[in-house]
Amino acid sequence: MPVNSEYRLDGKVAFLAGEGDGITPTLARALAEAGAKVFILGPHQPVVEGAMMEVASLDGQSLGLFGEPSDPTSVERALEALLPIWGKVDILVNNARTSFGKPFDKVTLEEWDEMMRRNVGAAYLLANRVGREMTANGGGRIVNIISGLAERGLWNSTAFCATQGAVLQLTRGLGLEWARQGIRVNAVGIGWLEGDGQTANDHLKKYIPLKRRGLAEEIAPLVVYMASDACNFTTGQPVYLDGGLLAHP
């Protein structure tokens, strides 16, 4: 994608974690295209390697590690690999988001705790640990990618909705708490995307005002903007790219 000069990330180091909705390789490519060096932490080999290949196709610089973003050991190992080489982290993109659908009265305590660990725990751990590096470095940008279910409900998805609402409130709280430390914390809220449980007869489209699912390529430019110095007067805010879903009464 063409990158406006004010959105350039030249000289920046981005820490990209997770693989929510399979958009991590597209996000890695966009960050690299804007000029950033990109470190990818993800739980599965195809996503991490795919993201690194996207960066390599642009002759960009990337590093990667397999590991769960909700696991403290994995996050520490990632920083131990990143910091000796690049020396800092300017940008954190948290794309750690695991979906879960089940009637609420059938959700076990173990399943509830696991959802909180994977989604809310990852957001806490990444922001807390990487945020300390940003504070020491004089500032940075945190972008949490969340579902639009942070704002609205959905049948059989109460546990997942609760995790996304928690990450949204984490975004708002940290946006206030870290504003004077030069750290901007914002969120990109997404709706249903192409390839996300899609079937030939995609009945979900009738609920989307724009009558189609979103594309990863439509998410990436907003992430780059929020990661850039151009996004300097916005913090604690979500912006939704959902085809108009939240405009429904």
C-alpha atoms as a PDB file:
ATOM      1  CA  MET A   1       0.000   0.000   0.000  1.00  0.00           C
ATOM      2  CA  PRO A   2       1.261   3.562  -0.599  1.00  0.00           C
ATOM      3  CA  VAL A   3       2.425   5.141   2.663  1.00  0.00           C
ATOM      4  CA  ASN A   4       2.015   8.886   3.233  1.00  0.00           C
ATOM      5  CA  SER A   5       5.202  10.518   4.455  1.00  0.00           C
ATOM      6  CA  GLU A   6       3.657  11.539   7.794  1.00  0.00           C
ATOM      7  CA  TYR A   7       2.791   7.890   8.491  1.00  0.00           C
ATOM      8  CA  ARG A   8       6.310   6.567   7.888  1.00  0.00           C
ATOM      9  CA  LEU A   9       7.830   4.284  10.534  1.00  0.00           C
ATOM     10  CA  ASP A  10      11.448   4.504   9.443  1.00  0.00           C
ATOM     11  CA  GLY A  11      13.826   3.689  12.290  1.00  0.00           C
ATOM     12  CA  LYS A  12      10.988   2.227  14.400  1.00  0.00           C
ATOM     13  CA  VAL A  13      10.854  -1.267  15.878  1.00  0.00           C
ATOM     14  CA  ALA A  14       7.459  -2.978  15.977  1.00  0.00           C
ATOM     15  CA  PHE A  15       6.547  -5.930  18.204  1.00  0.00           C
ATOM     16  CA  LEU A  16       3.623  -7.774  16.571  1.00  0.00           C
ATOM     17  CA  ALA A  17       2.013 -10.482  18.708  1.00  0.00           C
ATOM     18  CA  GLY A  18      -0.696 -13.041  17.988  1.00  0.00           C
ATOM     19  CA  GLU A  19      -2.503 -14.313  14.947  1.00  0.00           C
ATOM     20  CA  GLY A  20      -6.137 -13.275  15.469  1.00  0.00           C
ATOM     21  CA  ASP A  21      -8.285 -13.851  12.356  1.00  0.00           C
ATOM     22  CA  GLY A  22      -5.168 -14.728  10.346  1.00  0.00           C
ATOM     23  CA  ILE A  23      -4.312 -11.096   9.602  1.00  0.00           C
ATOM     24  CA  THR A  24      -0.843 -11.076  11.201  1.00  0.00           C
ATOM     25  CA  PRO A  25       1.114 -11.532   7.918  1.00  0.00           C
ATOM     26  CA  THR A  26      -0.769  -8.620   6.353  1.00  0.00           C
ATOM     27  CA  LEU A  27      -0.074  -6.422   9.385  1.00  0.00           C
ATOM     28  CA  ALA A  28       3.612  -7.371   9.319  1.00  0.00           C
ATOM     29  CA  ARG A  29       3.841  -6.442   5.648  1.00  0.00           C
ATOM     30  CA  ALA A  30       2.154  -3.080   6.216  1.00  0.00           C
ATOM     31  CA  LEU A  31       4.442  -2.185   9.127  1.00  0.00           C
ATOM     32  CA  ALA A  32       7.504  -3.148   7.094  1.00  0.00           C
ATOM     33  CA  GLU A  33       6.254  -1.243   4.047  1.00  0.00           C
ATOM     34  CA  ALA A  34       6.026   1.848   6.252  1.00  0.00           C
ATOM     35  CA  GLY A  35       9.678   1.338   7.197  1.00  0.00           C
ATOM     36  CA  ALA A  36       9.562  -0.492  10.538  1.00  0.00           C
ATOM     37  CA  LYS A  37      11.621  -3.455  11.635  1.00  0.00           C
ATOM     38  CA  VAL A  38       9.143  -6.136  12.698  1.00  0.00           C
ATOM     39  CA  PHE A  39       9.363  -8.790  15.408  1.00  0.00           C
ATOM     40  CA  ILE A  40       6.608 -11.428  15.246  1.00  0.00           C
ATOM     41  CA  LEU A  41       5.551 -13.536  18.235  1.00  0.00           C
ATOM     42  CA  GLY A  42       2.921 -16.132  17.406  1.00  0.00           C
ATOM     43  CA  PRO A  43       1.874 -19.577  18.596  1.00  0.00           C
ATOM     44  CA  HIS A  44       1.964 -21.310  15.217  1.00  0.00           C
ATOM     45  CA  GLN A  45       4.748 -21.726  12.685  1.00  0.00           C
ATOM     46  CA  PRO A  46       2.782 -20.926   9.487  1.00  0.00           C
ATOM     47  CA  VAL A  47       1.691 -17.523  10.799  1.00  0.00           C
ATOM     48  CA  VAL A  48       5.125 -16.478  12.077  1.00  0.00           C
ATOM     49  CA  GLU A  49       6.945 -17.709   8.987  1.00  0.00           C
ATOM     50  CA  GLY A  50       4.276 -16.276   6.705  1.00  0.00           C
ATOM     51  CA  ALA A  51       4.637 -12.873   8.353  1.00  0.00           C
ATOM     52  CA  MET A  52       8.416 -12.989   8.054  1.00  0.00           C
ATOM     53  CA  MET A  53       8.148 -13.925   4.370  1.00  0.00           C
ATOM     54  CA  GLU A  54       5.885 -10.935   3.767  1.00  0.00           C
ATOM     55  CA  VAL A  55       8.501  -8.644   5.304  1.00  0.00           C
ATOM     56  CA  ALA A  56      11.299 -10.346   3.347  1.00  0.00           C
ATOM     57  CA  SER A  57       9.409  -9.799   0.092  1.00  0.00           C
ATOM     58  CA  LEU A  58       9.856  -6.059   0.690  1.00  0.00           C
ATOM     59  CA  ASP A  59      13.543  -6.466   1.609  1.00  0.00           C
ATOM     60  CA  GLY A  60      12.580  -5.469   5.140  1.00  0.00           C
ATOM     61  CA  GLN A  61      14.010  -6.653   8.442  1.00  0.00           C
ATOM     62  CA  SER A  62      12.161  -9.132  10.637  1.00  0.00           C
ATOM     63  CA  LEU A  63      12.699 -11.541  13.500  1.00  0.00           C
ATOM     64  CA  GLY A  64      10.272 -14.153  14.771  1.00  0.00           C
ATOM     65  CA  LEU A  65       9.599 -16.566  17.601  1.00  0.00           C
ATOM     66  CA  PHE A  66       7.012 -19.271  18.226  1.00  0.00           C
ATOM     67  CA  GLY A  67       5.218 -18.763  21.523  1.00  0.00           C
ATOM     68  CA  GLU A  68       1.955 -17.822  23.191  1.00  0.00           C
ATOM     69  CA  PRO A  69       1.549 -14.058  23.763  1.00  0.00           C
ATOM     70  CA  SER A  70      -0.234 -14.930  27.018  1.00  0.00           C
ATOM     71  CA  ASP A  71       2.807 -16.839  28.318  1.00  0.00           C
ATOM     72  CA  PRO A  72       5.271 -14.720  30.349  1.00  0.00           C
ATOM     73  CA  THR A  73       8.205 -16.945  29.386  1.00  0.00           C
ATOM     74  CA  SER A  74       7.459 -16.534  25.670  1.00  0.00           C
ATOM     75  CA  VAL A  75       7.243 -12.756  25.953  1.00  0.00           C
ATOM     76  CA  GLU A  76      10.519 -12.598  27.892  1.00  0.00           C
ATOM     77  CA  ARG A  77      12.228 -14.835  25.336  1.00  0.00           C
ATOM     78  CA  ALA A  78      10.948 -12.584  22.575  1.00  0.00           C
ATOM     79  CA  LEU A  79      12.394  -9.479  24.205  1.00  0.00           C
ATOM     80  CA  GLU A  80      15.661 -11.289  24.922  1.00  0.00           C
ATOM     81  CA  ALA A  81      15.902 -12.026  21.184  1.00  0.00           C
ATOM     82  CA  LEU A  82      14.829  -8.555  20.050  1.00  0.00           C
ATOM     83  CA  LEU A  83      16.562  -6.089  22.357  1.00  0.00           C
ATOM     84  CA  PRO A  84      20.219  -7.153  21.882  1.00  0.00           C
ATOM     85  CA  ILE A  85      19.797  -6.748  18.116  1.00  0.00           C
ATOM     86  CA  TRP A  86      17.509  -3.728  17.728  1.00  0.00           C
ATOM     87  CA  GLY A  87      17.846  -2.165  21.179  1.00  0.00           C
ATOM     88  CA  LYS A  88      14.304  -0.889  21.673  1.00  0.00           C
ATOM     89  CA  VAL A  89      10.580  -1.325  21.017  1.00  0.00           C
ATOM     90  CA  ASP A  90       8.637   1.649  19.642  1.00  0.00           C
ATOM     91  CA  ILE A  91       5.400  -0.053  18.638  1.00  0.00           C
ATOM     92  CA  LEU A  92       3.339  -2.886  20.103  1.00  0.00           C
ATOM     93  CA  VAL A  93       0.552  -4.369  17.986  1.00  0.00           C
ATOM     94  CA  ASN A  94      -1.467  -6.824  20.058  1.00  0.00           C
ATOM     95  CA  ASN A  95      -3.337  -9.144  17.691  1.00  0.00           C
ATOM     96  CA  ALA A  96      -3.742 -11.933  20.281  1.00  0.00           C
ATOM     97  CA  ARG A  97      -7.414 -12.812  20.108  1.00  0.00           C
ATOM     98  CA  THR A  98      -8.987 -16.271  20.415  1.00  0.00           C
ATOM     99  CA  SER A  99     -12.667 -16.642  19.519  1.00  0.00           C
ATOM    100  CA  PHE A 100     -14.994 -18.896  21.489  1.00  0.00           C
ATOM    101  CA  GLY A 101     -18.659 -19.722  20.967  1.00  0.00           C
ATOM    102  CA  LYS A 102     -20.760 -21.585  23.523  1.00  0.00           C
ATOM    103  CA  PRO A 103     -23.994 -20.954  25.456  1.00  0.00           C
ATOM    104  CA  PHE A 104     -23.074 -19.148  28.659  1.00  0.00           C
ATOM    105  CA  ASP A 105     -24.696 -21.702  30.965  1.00  0.00           C
ATOM    106  CA  LYS A 106     -22.554 -24.413  29.359  1.00  0.00           C
ATOM    107  CA  VAL A 107     -19.254 -22.542  29.766  1.00  0.00           C
ATOM    108  CA  THR A 108     -17.102 -24.216  32.404  1.00  0.00           C
ATOM    109  CA  LEU A 109     -14.935 -22.323  34.854  1.00  0.00           C
ATOM    110  CA  GLU A 110     -11.886 -23.813  33.134  1.00  0.00           C
ATOM    111  CA  GLU A 111     -13.050 -22.515  29.738  1.00  0.00           C
ATOM    112  CA  TRP A 112     -13.801 -19.080  31.181  1.00  0.00           C
ATOM    113  CA  ASP A 113     -10.367 -18.869  32.793  1.00  0.00           C
ATOM    114  CA  GLU A 114      -8.684 -20.017  29.578  1.00  0.00           C
ATOM    115  CA  MET A 115     -10.451 -17.338  27.530  1.00  0.00           C
ATOM    116  CA  MET A 116      -9.449 -14.675  30.034  1.00  0.00           C
ATOM    117  CA  ARG A 117      -5.864 -15.924  30.011  1.00  0.00           C
ATOM    118  CA  ARG A 118      -5.577 -16.005  26.224  1.00  0.00           C
ATOM    119  CA  ASN A 119      -7.234 -12.679  25.473  1.00  0.00           C
ATOM    120  CA  VAL A 120      -7.153 -10.413  28.514  1.00  0.00           C
ATOM    121  CA  GLY A 121      -4.015 -12.007  29.958  1.00  0.00           C
ATOM    122  CA  ALA A 122      -2.110 -11.542  26.704  1.00  0.00           C
ATOM    123  CA  ALA A 123      -3.157  -7.893  26.470  1.00  0.00           C
ATOM    124  CA  TYR A 124      -2.094  -7.264  30.070  1.00  0.00           C
ATOM    125  CA  LEU A 125       1.205  -9.109  29.762  1.00  0.00           C
ATOM    126  CA  LEU A 126       2.242  -7.511  26.467  1.00  0.00           C
ATOM    127  CA  ALA A 127       1.289  -3.994  27.499  1.00  0.00           C
ATOM    128  CA  ASN A 128       2.882  -4.343  30.919  1.00  0.00           C
ATOM    129  CA  ARG A 129       6.177  -5.824  29.768  1.00  0.00           C
ATOM    130  CA  VAL A 130       6.642  -4.023  26.445  1.00  0.00           C
ATOM    131  CA  GLY A 131       5.243  -0.825  27.963  1.00  0.00           C
ATOM    132  CA  ARG A 132       8.097  -0.800  30.460  1.00  0.00           C
ATOM    133  CA  GLU A 133      10.560  -0.837  27.578  1.00  0.00           C
ATOM    134  CA  MET A 134       8.690   2.051  25.959  1.00  0.00           C
ATOM    135  CA  THR A 135       8.703   4.045  29.184  1.00  0.00           C
ATOM    136  CA  ALA A 136      12.467   3.595  29.496  1.00  0.00           C
ATOM    137  CA  ASN A 137      12.827   4.687  25.867  1.00  0.00           C
ATOM    138  CA  GLY A 138      10.710   7.831  26.266  1.00  0.00           C
ATOM    139  CA  GLY A 139       7.453   6.731  24.636  1.00  0.00           C
ATOM    140  CA  GLY A 140       5.782   4.515  22.090  1.00  0.00           C
ATOM    141  CA  ARG A 141       2.566   3.320  20.493  1.00  0.00           C
ATOM    142  CA  ILE A 142       0.313   0.439  21.562  1.00  0.00           C
ATOM    143  CA  VAL A 143      -2.420  -0.787  19.224  1.00  0.00           C
ATOM    144  CA  ASN A 144      -4.827  -3.444  20.522  1.00  0.00           C
ATOM    145  CA  ILE A 145      -6.812  -5.188  17.811  1.00  0.00           C
ATOM    146  CA  ILE A 146     -10.179  -6.174  19.239  1.00  0.00           C
ATOM    147  CA  SER A 147     -13.503  -7.502  18.029  1.00  0.00           C
ATOM    148  CA  GLY A 148     -16.528  -5.266  17.629  1.00  0.00           C
ATOM    149  CA  LEU A 149     -18.058  -7.554  20.264  1.00  0.00           C
ATOM    150  CA  ALA A 150     -16.296  -5.345  22.788  1.00  0.00           C
ATOM    151  CA  GLU A 151     -19.263  -2.997  22.255  1.00  0.00           C
ATOM    152  CA  ARG A 152     -22.152  -5.280  21.321  1.00  0.00           C
ATOM    153  CA  GLY A 153     -23.422  -8.684  22.350  1.00  0.00           C
ATOM    154  CA  LEU A 154     -23.784 -11.891  20.362  1.00  0.00           C
ATOM    155  CA  TRP A 155     -25.671 -15.095  21.065  1.00  0.00           C
ATOM    156  CA  ASN A 156     -23.497 -17.891  22.481  1.00  0.00           C
ATOM    157  CA  SER A 157     -20.456 -15.610  22.671  1.00  0.00           C
ATOM    158  CA  THR A 158     -20.772 -13.990  26.095  1.00  0.00           C
ATOM    159  CA  ALA A 159     -17.382 -15.212  27.317  1.00  0.00           C
ATOM    160  CA  PHE A 160     -15.614 -13.866  24.228  1.00  0.00           C
ATOM    161  CA  CYS A 161     -17.555 -10.576  24.413  1.00  0.00           C
ATOM    162  CA  ALA A 162     -16.418 -10.162  28.017  1.00  0.00           C
ATOM    163  CA  THR A 163     -12.746 -10.560  27.073  1.00  0.00           C
ATOM    164  CA  GLN A 164     -13.006  -8.005  24.293  1.00  0.00           C
ATOM    165  CA  GLY A 165     -14.748  -5.501  26.540  1.00  0.00           C
ATOM    166  CA  ALA A 166     -11.956  -5.961  29.067  1.00  0.00           C
ATOM    167  CA  VAL A 167      -9.259  -5.248  26.462  1.00  0.00           C
ATOM    168  CA  LEU A 168     -11.176  -2.156  25.361  1.00  0.00           C
ATOM    169  CA  GLN A 169     -11.227  -0.869  28.948  1.00  0.00           C
ATOM    170  CA  LEU A 170      -7.537  -1.701  29.293  1.00  0.00           C
ATOM    171  CA  THR A 171      -6.974   0.478  26.224  1.00  0.00           C
ATOM    172  CA  ARG A 172      -8.927   3.370  27.717  1.00  0.00           C
ATOM    173  CA  GLY A 173      -7.340   3.106  31.153  1.00  0.00           C
ATOM    174  CA  LEU A 174      -3.784   2.879  29.847  1.00  0.00           C
ATOM    175  CA  GLY A 175      -4.439   5.689  27.396  1.00  0.00           C
ATOM    176  CA  LEU A 176      -5.014   7.931  30.413  1.00  0.00           C
ATOM    177  CA  GLU A 177      -2.391   6.437  32.707  1.00  0.00           C
ATOM    178  CA  TRP A 178       0.473   6.539  30.216  1.00  0.00           C
ATOM    179  CA  ALA A 179      -0.404   9.727  28.329  1.00  0.00           C
ATOM    180  CA  ARG A 180       2.227  11.821  30.122  1.00  0.00           C
ATOM    181  CA  GLN A 181       4.869   9.187  29.477  1.00  0.00           C
ATOM    182  CA  GLY A 182       4.570   9.584  25.718  1.00  0.00           C
ATOM    183  CA  ILE A 183       2.785   6.285  25.150  1.00  0.00           C
ATOM    184  CA  ARG A 184      -0.348   6.426  22.998  1.00  0.00           C
ATOM    185  CA  VAL A 185      -2.704   3.464  23.479  1.00  0.00           C
ATOM    186  CA  ASN A 186      -5.526   2.891  20.992  1.00  0.00           C
ATOM    187  CA  ALA A 187      -7.594   0.053  19.573  1.00  0.00           C
ATOM    188  CA  VAL A 188      -8.760  -1.098  16.164  1.00  0.00           C
ATOM    189  CA  GLY A 189     -12.115  -2.858  16.357  1.00  0.00           C
ATOM    190  CA  ILE A 190     -12.926  -5.272  13.554  1.00  0.00           C
ATOM    191  CA  GLY A 191     -16.018  -7.071  12.365  1.00  0.00           C
ATOM    192  CA  TRP A 192     -16.344 -10.246  10.314  1.00  0.00           C
ATOM    193  CA  LEU A 193     -13.464 -10.687   7.887  1.00  0.00           C
ATOM    194  CA  GLU A 194     -13.053 -12.671   4.675  1.00  0.00           C
ATOM    195  CA  GLY A 195     -11.952 -16.227   5.446  1.00  0.00           C
ATOM    196  CA  ASP A 196     -13.223 -16.096   9.042  1.00  0.00           C
ATOM    197  CA  GLY A 197     -15.470 -19.156   9.139  1.00  0.00           C
ATOM    198  CA  GLN A 198     -16.839 -18.258   5.713  1.00  0.00           C
ATOM    199  CA  THR A 199     -19.066 -20.624   3.723  1.00  0.00           C
ATOM    200  CA  ALA A 200     -20.399 -20.549   0.173  1.00  0.00           C
ATOM    201  CA  ASN A 201     -23.756 -19.281   1.454  1.00  0.00           C
ATOM    202  CA  ASP A 202     -22.516 -16.545   3.739  1.00  0.00           C
ATOM    203  CA  HIS A 203     -25.656 -15.540   5.648  1.00  0.00           C
ATOM    204  CA  LEU A 204     -23.704 -13.210   7.929  1.00  0.00           C
ATOM    205  CA  LYS A 205     -23.369 -10.689   5.109  1.00  0.00           C
ATOM    206  CA  LYS A 206     -27.039  -9.754   5.347  1.00  0.00           C
ATOM    207  CA  TYR A 207     -26.384  -8.296   8.814  1.00  0.00           C
ATOM    208  CA  ILE A 208     -23.532  -6.074   7.572  1.00  0.00           C
ATOM    209  CA  PRO A 209     -24.769  -2.739   6.183  1.00  0.00           C
ATOM    210  CA  LEU A 210     -22.074  -2.770   3.462  1.00  0.00           C
ATOM    211  CA  LYS A 211     -23.120  -6.341   2.576  1.00  0.00           C
ATOM    212  CA  ARG A 212     -19.645  -7.843   2.604  1.00  0.00           C
ATOM    213  CA  ARG A 213     -16.931  -8.940   4.991  1.00  0.00           C
ATOM    214  CA  GLY A 214     -13.845  -6.862   5.626  1.00  0.00           C
ATOM    215  CA  LEU A 215     -10.362  -7.460   4.265  1.00  0.00           C
ATOM    216  CA  ALA A 216      -7.093  -7.632   6.184  1.00  0.00           C
ATOM    217  CA  GLU A 217      -5.753  -5.022   3.753  1.00  0.00           C
ATOM    218  CA  GLU A 218      -8.405  -2.619   5.042  1.00  0.00           C
ATOM    219  CA  ILE A 219      -7.297  -3.068   8.659  1.00  0.00           C
ATOM    220  CA  ALA A 220      -3.577  -2.563   8.062  1.00  0.00           C
ATOM    221  CA  PRO A 221      -3.537   1.156   7.066  1.00  0.00           C
ATOM    222  CA  LEU A 222      -5.305   2.171  10.282  1.00  0.00           C
ATOM    223  CA  VAL A 223      -2.831   0.132  12.342  1.00  0.00           C
ATOM    224  CA  VAL A 224       0.064   1.891  10.583  1.00  0.00           C
ATOM    225  CA  TYR A 225      -1.516   5.290  11.258  1.00  0.00           C
ATOM    226  CA  MET A 226      -2.004   4.498  14.961  1.00  0.00           C
ATOM    227  CA  ALA A 227       1.594   3.305  15.158  1.00  0.00           C
ATOM    228  CA  SER A 228       2.949   6.481  13.564  1.00  0.00           C
ATOM    229  CA  ASP A 229       3.910   9.868  14.981  1.00  0.00           C
ATOM    230  CA  ALA A 230       0.972  11.323  13.039  1.00  0.00           C
ATOM    231  CA  CYS A 231      -1.332   9.751  15.630  1.00  0.00           C
ATOM    232  CA  ASN A 232      -0.080  11.992  18.400  1.00  0.00           C
ATOM    233  CA  PHE A 233      -3.289  13.576  19.722  1.00  0.00           C
ATOM    234  CA  THR A 234      -5.344  10.393  20.022  1.00  0.00           C
ATOM    235  CA  THR A 235      -5.157   7.965  22.924  1.00  0.00           C
ATOM    236  CA  GLY A 236      -7.508   5.644  24.762  1.00  0.00           C
ATOM    237  CA  GLN A 237      -9.752   5.413  21.702  1.00  0.00           C
ATOM    238  CA  PRO A 238     -11.220   2.552  19.650  1.00  0.00           C
ATOM    239  CA  VAL A 239     -11.872   2.938  15.925  1.00  0.00           C
ATOM    240  CA  TYR A 240     -14.123   0.335  14.322  1.00  0.00           C
ATOM    241  CA  LEU A 241     -13.773  -1.093  10.822  1.00  0.00           C
ATOM    242  CA  ASP A 242     -16.843  -3.315  10.664  1.00  0.00           C
ATOM    243  CA  GLY A 243     -18.861  -2.425   7.580  1.00  0.00           C
ATOM    244  CA  GLY A 244     -21.316  -0.453   9.681  1.00  0.00           C
ATOM    245  CA  LEU A 245     -22.281  -3.167  12.190  1.00  0.00           C
ATOM    246  CA  LEU A 246     -22.134  -0.840  15.186  1.00  0.00           C
ATOM    247  CA  ALA A 247     -24.433   1.602  13.437  1.00  0.00           C
ATOM    248  CA  HIS A 248     -27.291  -0.895  13.831  1.00  0.00           C
ATOM    249  CA  PRO A 249     -29.850   0.167  16.466  1.00  0.00           C
END
